[in-house]
C-alpha atoms as a PDB file:
ATOM      1  CA  UNK A   1      11.418  -1.986  16.933  1.00  0.00           C
ATOM      2  CA  UNK A   2      12.262   0.024  13.852  1.00  0.00           C
ATOM      3  CA  UNK A   3      10.936  -1.522  10.472  1.00  0.00           C
ATOM      4  CA  UNK A   4      12.936  -1.364   7.120  1.00  0.00           C
ATOM      5  CA  UNK A   5       9.426  -1.068   5.451  1.00  0.00           C
ATOM      6  CA  UNK A   6       6.134   0.337   5.774  1.00  0.00           C
ATOM      7  CA  UNK A   7       3.316   1.852   4.296  1.00  0.00           C
ATOM      8  CA  UNK A   8       4.670   5.603   3.951  1.00  0.00           C
ATOM      9  CA  UNK A   9       5.649   7.218   0.570  1.00  0.00           C
ATOM     10  CA  UNK A  10       9.535   6.557   0.896  1.00  0.00           C
ATOM     11  CA  UNK A  11       8.934   2.608   2.507  1.00  0.00           C
ATOM     12  CA  UNK A  12       5.719   1.776   0.729  1.00  0.00           C
ATOM     13  CA  UNK A  13       4.598  -0.935  -1.477  1.00  0.00           C
ATOM     14  CA  UNK A  14       5.886   0.444  -4.723  1.00  0.00           C
ATOM     15  CA  UNK A  15       8.957   0.492  -2.576  1.00  0.00           C
ATOM     16  CA  UNK A  16       9.763  -3.223  -1.499  1.00  0.00           C
ATOM     17  CA  UNK A  17      11.034  -4.146  -4.978  1.00  0.00           C
ATOM     18  CA  UNK A  18      14.699  -2.496  -3.819  1.00  0.00           C
ATOM     19  CA  UNK A  19      15.118  -4.657  -0.798  1.00  0.00           C
ATOM     20  CA  UNK A  20      12.936  -7.809  -1.776  1.00  0.00           C
ATOM     21  CA  UNK A  21      12.791  -8.465  -5.564  1.00  0.00           C
ATOM     22  CA  UNK A  22      10.416 -11.178  -5.271  1.00  0.00           C
ATOM     23  CA  UNK A  23       7.765  -8.041  -4.714  1.00  0.00           C
ATOM     24  CA  UNK A  24       8.282  -8.424  -8.978  1.00  0.00           C
ATOM     25  CA  UNK A  25       7.366 -12.372  -8.913  1.00  0.00           C
ATOM     26  CA  UNK A  26       5.065 -14.654 -10.811  1.00  0.00           C
ATOM     27  CA  UNK A  27       2.424 -15.140  -7.651  1.00  0.00           C
ATOM     28  CA  UNK A  28       2.304 -12.070  -5.603  1.00  0.00           C
ATOM     29  CA  UNK A  29      -0.869 -11.201  -3.678  1.00  0.00           C
ATOM     30  CA  UNK A  30      -3.237  -9.519  -3.583  1.00  0.00           C
ATOM     31  CA  UNK A  31      -5.284  -9.872  -6.504  1.00  0.00           C
ATOM     32  CA  UNK A  32      -8.617  -9.195  -8.073  1.00  0.00           C
ATOM     33  CA  UNK A  33     -10.811 -11.446  -8.195  1.00  0.00           C
ATOM     34  CA  UNK A  34     -13.034 -11.937 -10.968  1.00  0.00           C
ATOM     35  CA  UNK A  35     -16.090 -13.652  -9.800  1.00  0.00           C
ATOM     36  CA  UNK A  36     -16.591 -14.642 -13.802  1.00  0.00           C
ATOM     37  CA  UNK A  37     -12.979 -16.059 -14.616  1.00  0.00           C
ATOM     38  CA  UNK A  38     -12.991 -18.202 -11.127  1.00  0.00           C
ATOM     39  CA  UNK A  39     -13.390 -22.156 -12.179  1.00  0.00           C
ATOM     40  CA  UNK A  40     -15.453 -24.179 -10.535  1.00  0.00           C
ATOM     41  CA  UNK A  41     -12.977 -27.171  -9.217  1.00  0.00           C
ATOM     42  CA  UNK A  42     -15.529 -30.137  -7.777  1.00  0.00           C
ATOM     43  CA  UNK A  43     -12.566 -31.481  -6.130  1.00  0.00           C
ATOM     44  CA  UNK A  44     -12.171 -28.340  -3.851  1.00  0.00           C
ATOM     45  CA  UNK A  45     -13.562 -29.787  -0.127  1.00  0.00           C
ATOM     46  CA  UNK A  46     -15.104 -27.673   2.853  1.00  0.00           C
ATOM     47  CA  UNK A  47     -13.517 -26.038   4.948  1.00  0.00           C
ATOM     48  CA  UNK A  48     -13.623 -27.249   8.628  1.00  0.00           C
ATOM     49  CA  UNK A  49     -12.538 -24.626  10.993  1.00  0.00           C
ATOM     50  CA  UNK A  50     -12.124 -25.734  14.526  1.00  0.00           C
ATOM     51  CA  UNK A  51     -10.939 -23.017  17.039  1.00  0.00           C
ATOM     52  CA  UNK A  52     -10.406 -23.623  20.635  1.00  0.00           C
ATOM     53  CA  UNK A  53     -11.072 -20.047  22.085  1.00  0.00           C
ATOM     54  CA  UNK A  54      -8.813 -20.424  25.440  1.00  0.00           C
ATOM     55  CA  UNK A  55      -6.052 -20.694  22.952  1.00  0.00           C
ATOM     56  CA  UNK A  56      -5.991 -16.801  22.272  1.00  0.00           C
ATOM     57  CA  UNK A  57      -3.228 -15.375  24.316  1.00  0.00           C
ATOM     58  CA  UNK A  58      -2.364 -11.712  23.279  1.00  0.00           C
ATOM     59  CA  UNK A  59      -3.055  -8.285  21.205  1.00  0.00           C
ATOM     60  CA  UNK A  60      -0.447  -6.611  19.517  1.00  0.00           C
ATOM     61  CA  UNK A  61       0.810  -3.391  17.579  1.00  0.00           C
ATOM     62  CA  UNK A  62       3.436  -4.445  15.261  1.00  0.00           C
ATOM     63  CA  UNK A  63       4.151  -1.248  13.663  1.00  0.00           C
ATOM     64  CA  UNK A  64       2.211  -1.888  10.642  1.00  0.00           C
ATOM     65  CA  UNK A  65      -0.981  -3.479  11.841  1.00  0.00           C
ATOM     66  CA  UNK A  66      -2.485  -5.141  15.262  1.00  0.00           C
ATOM     67  CA  UNK A  67      -2.375  -8.728  15.568  1.00  0.00           C
ATOM     68  CA  UNK A  68      -4.148 -11.521  17.921  1.00  0.00           C
ATOM     69  CA  UNK A  69      -1.984 -14.367  18.832  1.00  0.00           C
ATOM     70  CA  UNK A  70      -2.874 -17.881  19.344  1.00  0.00           C
ATOM     71  CA  UNK A  71      -1.321 -20.708  20.936  1.00  0.00           C
ATOM     72  CA  UNK A  72      -0.151 -23.513  18.157  1.00  0.00           C
ATOM     73  CA  UNK A  73       1.839 -26.088  19.284  1.00  0.00           C
ATOM     74  CA  UNK A  74      -1.011 -28.604  19.839  1.00  0.00           C
ATOM     75  CA  UNK A  75      -3.927 -28.967  16.872  1.00  0.00           C
ATOM     76  CA  UNK A  76      -6.569 -27.590  18.991  1.00  0.00           C
ATOM     77  CA  UNK A  77      -7.336 -24.463  17.050  1.00  0.00           C
ATOM     78  CA  UNK A  78      -7.174 -25.976  13.205  1.00  0.00           C
ATOM     79  CA  UNK A  79      -8.309 -25.563   9.631  1.00  0.00           C
ATOM     80  CA  UNK A  80      -8.543 -28.663   7.226  1.00  0.00           C
ATOM     81  CA  UNK A  81     -10.158 -29.430   4.371  1.00  0.00           C
ATOM     82  CA  UNK A  82     -10.305 -26.789   1.585  1.00  0.00           C
ATOM     83  CA  UNK A  83      -7.860 -26.788  -1.128  1.00  0.00           C
ATOM     84  CA  UNK A  84      -5.348 -28.264   1.264  1.00  0.00           C
ATOM     85  CA  UNK A  85      -4.368 -31.348   2.826  1.00  0.00           C
ATOM     86  CA  UNK A  86      -3.002 -32.045   6.037  1.00  0.00           C
ATOM     87  CA  UNK A  87      -3.997 -29.630   9.525  1.00  0.00           C
ATOM     88  CA  UNK A  88      -2.941 -26.183   9.427  1.00  0.00           C
ATOM     89  CA  UNK A  89      -2.602 -24.102  13.434  1.00  0.00           C
ATOM     90  CA  UNK A  90      -4.037 -20.855  13.491  1.00  0.00           C
ATOM     91  CA  UNK A  91      -1.048 -18.700  14.239  1.00  0.00           C
ATOM     92  CA  UNK A  92      -2.745 -15.305  14.349  1.00  0.00           C
ATOM     93  CA  UNK A  93      -5.539 -12.689  12.972  1.00  0.00           C
ATOM     94  CA  UNK A  94      -4.596  -9.127  11.612  1.00  0.00           C
ATOM     95  CA  UNK A  95      -6.452  -6.356   9.867  1.00  0.00           C
ATOM     96  CA  UNK A  96      -5.446  -4.142   6.668  1.00  0.00           C
ATOM     97  CA  UNK A  97      -7.356  -0.908   6.385  1.00  0.00           C
ATOM     98  CA  UNK A  98      -7.842   2.279   4.839  1.00  0.00           C
ATOM     99  CA  UNK A  99      -7.805   5.886   5.784  1.00  0.00           C
ATOM    100  CA  UNK A 100     -11.671   6.324   3.874  1.00  0.00           C
ATOM    101  CA  UNK A 101     -14.463   3.463   3.363  1.00  0.00           C
ATOM    102  CA  UNK A 102     -13.505   3.414   0.080  1.00  0.00           C
ATOM    103  CA  UNK A 103     -10.323   1.447   0.258  1.00  0.00           C
ATOM    104  CA  UNK A 104      -8.323  -0.486   3.020  1.00  0.00           C
ATOM    105  CA  UNK A 105      -9.202  -4.291   1.987  1.00  0.00           C
ATOM    106  CA  UNK A 106      -5.823  -5.694   0.200  1.00  0.00           C
ATOM    107  CA  UNK A 107      -8.199  -8.375  -2.343  1.00  0.00           C
ATOM    108  CA  UNK A 108     -10.788  -6.916  -4.348  1.00  0.00           C
ATOM    109  CA  UNK A 109     -13.589  -8.730  -6.203  1.00  0.00           C
ATOM    110  CA  UNK A 110     -14.261  -7.224  -9.516  1.00  0.00           C
ATOM    111  CA  UNK A 111     -12.500  -4.417  -9.006  1.00  0.00           C
ATOM    112  CA  UNK A 112     -14.260  -3.212  -5.695  1.00  0.00           C
ATOM    113  CA  UNK A 113     -12.509  -1.969  -2.868  1.00  0.00           C
ATOM    114  CA  UNK A 114     -13.772  -2.566   0.517  1.00  0.00           C
ATOM    115  CA  UNK A 115     -12.975  -0.543   3.778  1.00  0.00           C
ATOM    116  CA  UNK A 116     -11.283  -3.509   5.661  1.00  0.00           C
ATOM    117  CA  UNK A 117      -9.682  -7.140   5.438  1.00  0.00           C
ATOM    118  CA  UNK A 118      -8.835  -9.744   7.999  1.00  0.00           C
ATOM    119  CA  UNK A 119      -6.612 -12.641   7.794  1.00  0.00           C
ATOM    120  CA  UNK A 120      -6.379 -15.357   9.591  1.00  0.00           C
ATOM    121  CA  UNK A 121      -2.982 -17.343   9.665  1.00  0.00           C
ATOM    122  CA  UNK A 122      -2.686 -20.756   9.621  1.00  0.00           C
ATOM    123  CA  UNK A 123       0.598 -22.491   9.927  1.00  0.00           C
ATOM    124  CA  UNK A 124       1.868 -25.836   8.141  1.00  0.00           C
ATOM    125  CA  UNK A 125       3.254 -23.788   5.485  1.00  0.00           C
ATOM    126  CA  UNK A 126       1.045 -20.450   5.285  1.00  0.00           C
ATOM    127  CA  UNK A 127      -2.804 -20.609   4.789  1.00  0.00           C
ATOM    128  CA  UNK A 128      -4.797 -17.814   5.469  1.00  0.00           C
ATOM    129  CA  UNK A 129      -7.896 -17.789   5.504  1.00  0.00           C
ATOM    130  CA  UNK A 130      -9.499 -14.195   4.170  1.00  0.00           C
ATOM    131  CA  UNK A 131     -12.416 -11.888   5.390  1.00  0.00           C
ATOM    132  CA  UNK A 132     -14.016  -8.682   3.650  1.00  0.00           C
ATOM    133  CA  UNK A 133     -15.614  -6.618   5.944  1.00  0.00           C
ATOM    134  CA  UNK A 134     -18.309  -4.457   3.907  1.00  0.00           C
ATOM    135  CA  UNK A 135     -19.295  -0.901   5.491  1.00  0.00           C
ATOM    136  CA  UNK A 136     -23.014  -1.712   6.871  1.00  0.00           C
ATOM    137  CA  UNK A 137     -24.355  -2.126  10.201  1.00  0.00           C
ATOM    138  CA  UNK A 138     -22.264  -2.079  13.835  1.00  0.00           C
ATOM    139  CA  UNK A 139     -20.631  -5.772  14.103  1.00  0.00           C
ATOM    140  CA  UNK A 140     -21.145  -7.429  17.593  1.00  0.00           C
ATOM    141  CA  UNK A 141     -18.575  -9.964  17.038  1.00  0.00           C
ATOM    142  CA  UNK A 142     -15.870  -7.513  16.574  1.00  0.00           C
ATOM    143  CA  UNK A 143     -16.321  -5.484  20.141  1.00  0.00           C
ATOM    144  CA  UNK A 144     -14.408  -7.319  21.981  1.00  0.00           C
ATOM    145  CA  UNK A 145     -11.240  -7.180  19.524  1.00  0.00           C
ATOM    146  CA  UNK A 146     -12.192  -2.928  19.262  1.00  0.00           C
ATOM    147  CA  UNK A 147     -12.200  -2.656  23.180  1.00  0.00           C
ATOM    148  CA  UNK A 148      -8.677  -4.288  23.492  1.00  0.00           C
ATOM    149  CA  UNK A 149      -7.149  -1.435  20.576  1.00  0.00           C
ATOM    150  CA  UNK A 150      -7.204   1.594  23.230  1.00  0.00           C
ATOM    151  CA  UNK A 151      -4.379  -0.721  25.287  1.00  0.00           C
ATOM    152  CA  UNK A 152      -2.587  -1.010  22.463  1.00  0.00           C
ATOM    153  CA  UNK A 153      -2.804   2.710  20.277  1.00  0.00           C
ATOM    154  CA  UNK A 154       1.126   2.999  19.345  1.00  0.00           C
ATOM    155  CA  UNK A 155       3.725   0.771  17.846  1.00  0.00           C
ATOM    156  CA  UNK A 156       5.081  -2.031  20.215  1.00  0.00           C
ATOM    157  CA  UNK A 157       2.263  -2.155  23.164  1.00  0.00           C
ATOM    158  CA  UNK A 158       0.433  -5.627  23.493  1.00  0.00           C
ATOM    159  CA  UNK A 159      -1.535  -6.193  26.110  1.00  0.00           C
ATOM    160  CA  UNK A 160      -3.415 -10.035  26.969  1.00  0.00           C
ATOM    161  CA  UNK A 161      -6.138 -11.403  24.992  1.00  0.00           C
ATOM    162  CA  UNK A 162      -7.387 -14.479  26.171  1.00  0.00           C
ATOM    163  CA  UNK A 163     -10.899 -16.642  25.620  1.00  0.00           C
ATOM    164  CA  UNK A 164     -11.549 -15.029  22.036  1.00  0.00           C
ATOM    165  CA  UNK A 165     -13.364 -17.461  20.010  1.00  0.00           C
ATOM    166  CA  UNK A 166     -12.040 -16.475  16.158  1.00  0.00           C
ATOM    167  CA  UNK A 167     -14.563 -18.622  14.368  1.00  0.00           C
ATOM    168  CA  UNK A 168     -17.425 -15.823  15.744  1.00  0.00           C
ATOM    169  CA  UNK A 169     -15.804 -13.691  12.751  1.00  0.00           C
ATOM    170  CA  UNK A 170     -16.785 -15.789  10.348  1.00  0.00           C
ATOM    171  CA  UNK A 171     -19.760 -15.261   7.804  1.00  0.00           C
ATOM    172  CA  UNK A 172     -22.861 -18.322   7.903  1.00  0.00           C
ATOM    173  CA  UNK A 173     -21.505 -19.615   4.446  1.00  0.00           C
ATOM    174  CA  UNK A 174     -17.652 -20.450   3.880  1.00  0.00           C
ATOM    175  CA  UNK A 175     -18.032 -20.840   0.141  1.00  0.00           C
ATOM    176  CA  UNK A 176     -14.731 -19.346  -1.252  1.00  0.00           C
ATOM    177  CA  UNK A 177     -11.963 -18.858  -4.053  1.00  0.00           C
ATOM    178  CA  UNK A 178      -8.620 -19.979  -3.533  1.00  0.00           C
ATOM    179  CA  UNK A 179      -5.486 -19.279  -5.873  1.00  0.00           C
ATOM    180  CA  UNK A 180      -1.904 -19.589  -4.825  1.00  0.00           C
ATOM    181  CA  UNK A 181      -0.050 -16.541  -4.187  1.00  0.00           C
ATOM    182  CA  UNK A 182       2.419 -14.778  -1.431  1.00  0.00           C
ATOM    183  CA  UNK A 183       2.814 -12.846   2.104  1.00  0.00           C
ATOM    184  CA  UNK A 184       1.368  -9.642   1.168  1.00  0.00           C
ATOM    185  CA  UNK A 185       3.864  -8.010   3.435  1.00  0.00           C
ATOM    186  CA  UNK A 186       8.085  -8.641   3.010  1.00  0.00           C
ATOM    187  CA  UNK A 187       9.578 -11.044   2.755  1.00  0.00           C
ATOM    188  CA  UNK A 188       6.356 -11.178   0.461  1.00  0.00           C
ATOM    189  CA  UNK A 189       7.620 -15.395   0.233  1.00  0.00           C
ATOM    190  CA  UNK A 190       5.195 -17.364  -2.681  1.00  0.00           C
ATOM    191  CA  UNK A 191       4.930 -20.144  -0.655  1.00  0.00           C
ATOM    192  CA  UNK A 192       0.786 -19.061   0.215  1.00  0.00           C
ATOM    193  CA  UNK A 193      -2.357 -20.756  -0.528  1.00  0.00           C
ATOM    194  CA  UNK A 194      -4.902 -18.006  -0.347  1.00  0.00           C
ATOM    195  CA  UNK A 195      -8.421 -18.558   0.743  1.00  0.00           C
ATOM    196  CA  UNK A 196     -10.768 -16.018  -0.191  1.00  0.00           C
ATOM    197  CA  UNK A 197     -14.067 -16.180   1.362  1.00  0.00           C
ATOM    198  CA  UNK A 198     -17.272 -15.188  -0.597  1.00  0.00           C
ATOM    199  CA  UNK A 199     -19.435 -13.338   2.046  1.00  0.00           C
ATOM    200  CA  UNK A 200     -18.498 -10.519   3.746  1.00  0.00           C
ATOM    201  CA  UNK A 201     -19.100  -9.666   7.031  1.00  0.00           C
ATOM    202  CA  UNK A 202     -20.259  -6.060   8.344  1.00  0.00           C
ATOM    203  CA  UNK A 203     -18.418  -2.768   9.859  1.00  0.00           C
ATOM    204  CA  UNK A 204     -19.182   0.348  11.071  1.00  0.00           C
ATOM    205  CA  UNK A 205     -18.681   3.738  10.532  1.00  0.00           C
ATOM    206  CA  UNK A 206     -17.938   4.104  14.154  1.00  0.00           C
ATOM    207  CA  UNK A 207     -15.746   0.759  14.490  1.00  0.00           C
ATOM    208  CA  UNK A 208     -13.719   1.879  11.237  1.00  0.00           C
ATOM    209  CA  UNK A 209     -12.837   4.536  13.482  1.00  0.00           C
ATOM    210  CA  UNK A 210     -11.500   2.538  16.217  1.00  0.00           C
ATOM    211  CA  UNK A 211      -8.710   0.768  13.483  1.00  0.00           C
ATOM    212  CA  UNK A 212      -8.251   4.269  12.351  1.00  0.00           C
ATOM    213  CA  UNK A 213      -7.443   5.692  15.937  1.00  0.00           C
ATOM    214  CA  UNK A 214      -4.179   3.116  16.414  1.00  0.00           C
ATOM    215  CA  UNK A 215      -0.531   4.198  15.718  1.00  0.00           C
ATOM    216  CA  UNK A 216       2.146   3.348  13.199  1.00  0.00           C
ATOM    217  CA  UNK A 217       4.557   5.320  15.690  1.00  0.00           C
ATOM    218  CA  UNK A 218       5.625   4.242  18.754  1.00  0.00           C
ATOM    219  CA  UNK A 219       5.606   6.325  21.923  1.00  0.00           C
ATOM    220  CA  UNK A 220       8.243   9.548  21.787  1.00  0.00           C
ATOM    221  CA  UNK A 221       8.320   9.136  18.010  1.00  0.00           C
ATOM    222  CA  UNK A 222       6.319  11.898  15.510  1.00  0.00           C
ATOM    223  CA  UNK A 223       2.758  10.966  15.663  1.00  0.00           C
ATOM    224  CA  UNK A 224       1.871   8.842  12.177  1.00  0.00           C
ATOM    225  CA  UNK A 225      -1.876   7.732  11.971  1.00  0.00           C
ATOM    226  CA  UNK A 226      -2.039   3.992  11.489  1.00  0.00           C
ATOM    227  CA  UNK A 227      -4.475   3.879   8.370  1.00  0.00           C
ATOM    228  CA  UNK A 228      -3.788   2.163   4.569  1.00  0.00           C
ATOM    229  CA  UNK A 229      -1.799  -0.398   5.976  1.00  0.00           C
ATOM    230  CA  UNK A 230      -2.480  -2.554   2.865  1.00  0.00           C
ATOM    231  CA  UNK A 231      -0.769  -3.600  -0.566  1.00  0.00           C
ATOM    232  CA  UNK A 232      -2.253  -3.032  -3.729  1.00  0.00           C
ATOM    233  CA  UNK A 233      -3.516  -6.015  -6.144  1.00  0.00           C
ATOM    234  CA  UNK A 234      -0.563  -7.472  -7.744  1.00  0.00           C
ATOM    235  CA  UNK A 235      -0.753  -9.067 -11.675  1.00  0.00           C
ATOM    236  CA  UNK A 236      -2.052 -12.575 -11.718  1.00  0.00           C
ATOM    237  CA  UNK A 237       0.334 -13.457 -14.250  1.00  0.00           C
ATOM    238  CA  UNK A 238      -1.453 -16.730 -15.606  1.00  0.00           C
ATOM    239  CA  UNK A 239      -2.684 -18.302 -12.433  1.00  0.00           C
ATOM    240  CA  UNK A 240      -6.011 -19.348 -12.020  1.00  0.00           C
ATOM    241  CA  UNK A 241      -8.326 -18.970  -9.804  1.00  0.00           C
ATOM    242  CA  UNK A 242     -10.494 -21.693  -8.634  1.00  0.00           C
ATOM    243  CA  UNK A 243     -13.899 -21.872  -6.472  1.00  0.00           C
ATOM    244  CA  UNK A 244     -15.826 -24.202  -4.177  1.00  0.00           C
ATOM    245  CA  UNK A 245     -19.368 -23.119  -5.012  1.00  0.00           C
ATOM    246  CA  UNK A 246     -21.189 -23.362  -8.508  1.00  0.00           C
END
C-alpha cells in the first residue's frame, strides 16, 4: 500500500503542488475561520443527521489516518438540510491530529489551533461535516473508536467495526459555519461544501495518546509515528464564510 504523498518533509503538504497543481487553486481547504467575518445567512437550514448504527462496517489504517467505513448504498445514514439540497449518505469518518496538544486540527478558528479534528464524509458530491476536538475531560463517546485502534496500529491493518452510532460524536449544538472548498488530501479536488460545527467536543491527554500510538508505516517498514497528519490552512482568496447562527 504505497502512496505518492504523505505528511513528511519530502512528501508533505508543501510539496503536493508538484503532482497536484490544484493545490494552489482558488478554493482550497482547510481555512482559518474568522468568526467576526463570517456572515449570518438566514437561508441556511438546520442540519438533519439520521445515522443507522448498523451501517458501520470496518476501521482501517490507510497510512495517512484511520477511518471508519459505512455502508452507503441506501438512504439509511444521511445528512440533509444545512447549505445543501438533496440527501448525502455517510461514507466514512476519519481524524487529523498533531504531535503536540497545540496543533493537529485542519481548520482553525480565529487563528487558534486544536489538537484534533474529525471529518464525517458524506457522498453525493462531497460534504464533510467537521468537528473540532478541544483538550479537556475524557470523552466516553470516543472510547469504542479508541479501543479498536489497538488492532490497526500499522498501515494496511483493518478490522470489523460494527454497531457504532456516528451521531454520538456530535455536540449538543449543530450551529455551523459553511464555505466552498476542497479535499484536504490529494487529489485536492475543489468540489466540496464544508460544514464546520461551531461547538467542539472534548478529548483528553490520554485519549490523544491513543491516536499518536498509530503508525504511518506498515509491518516490516521503518517505524514512523502517525502524527501531524493535517494540512495547514489555505488562503481564502475572496471566498465567503457563512454561519447558521446569529
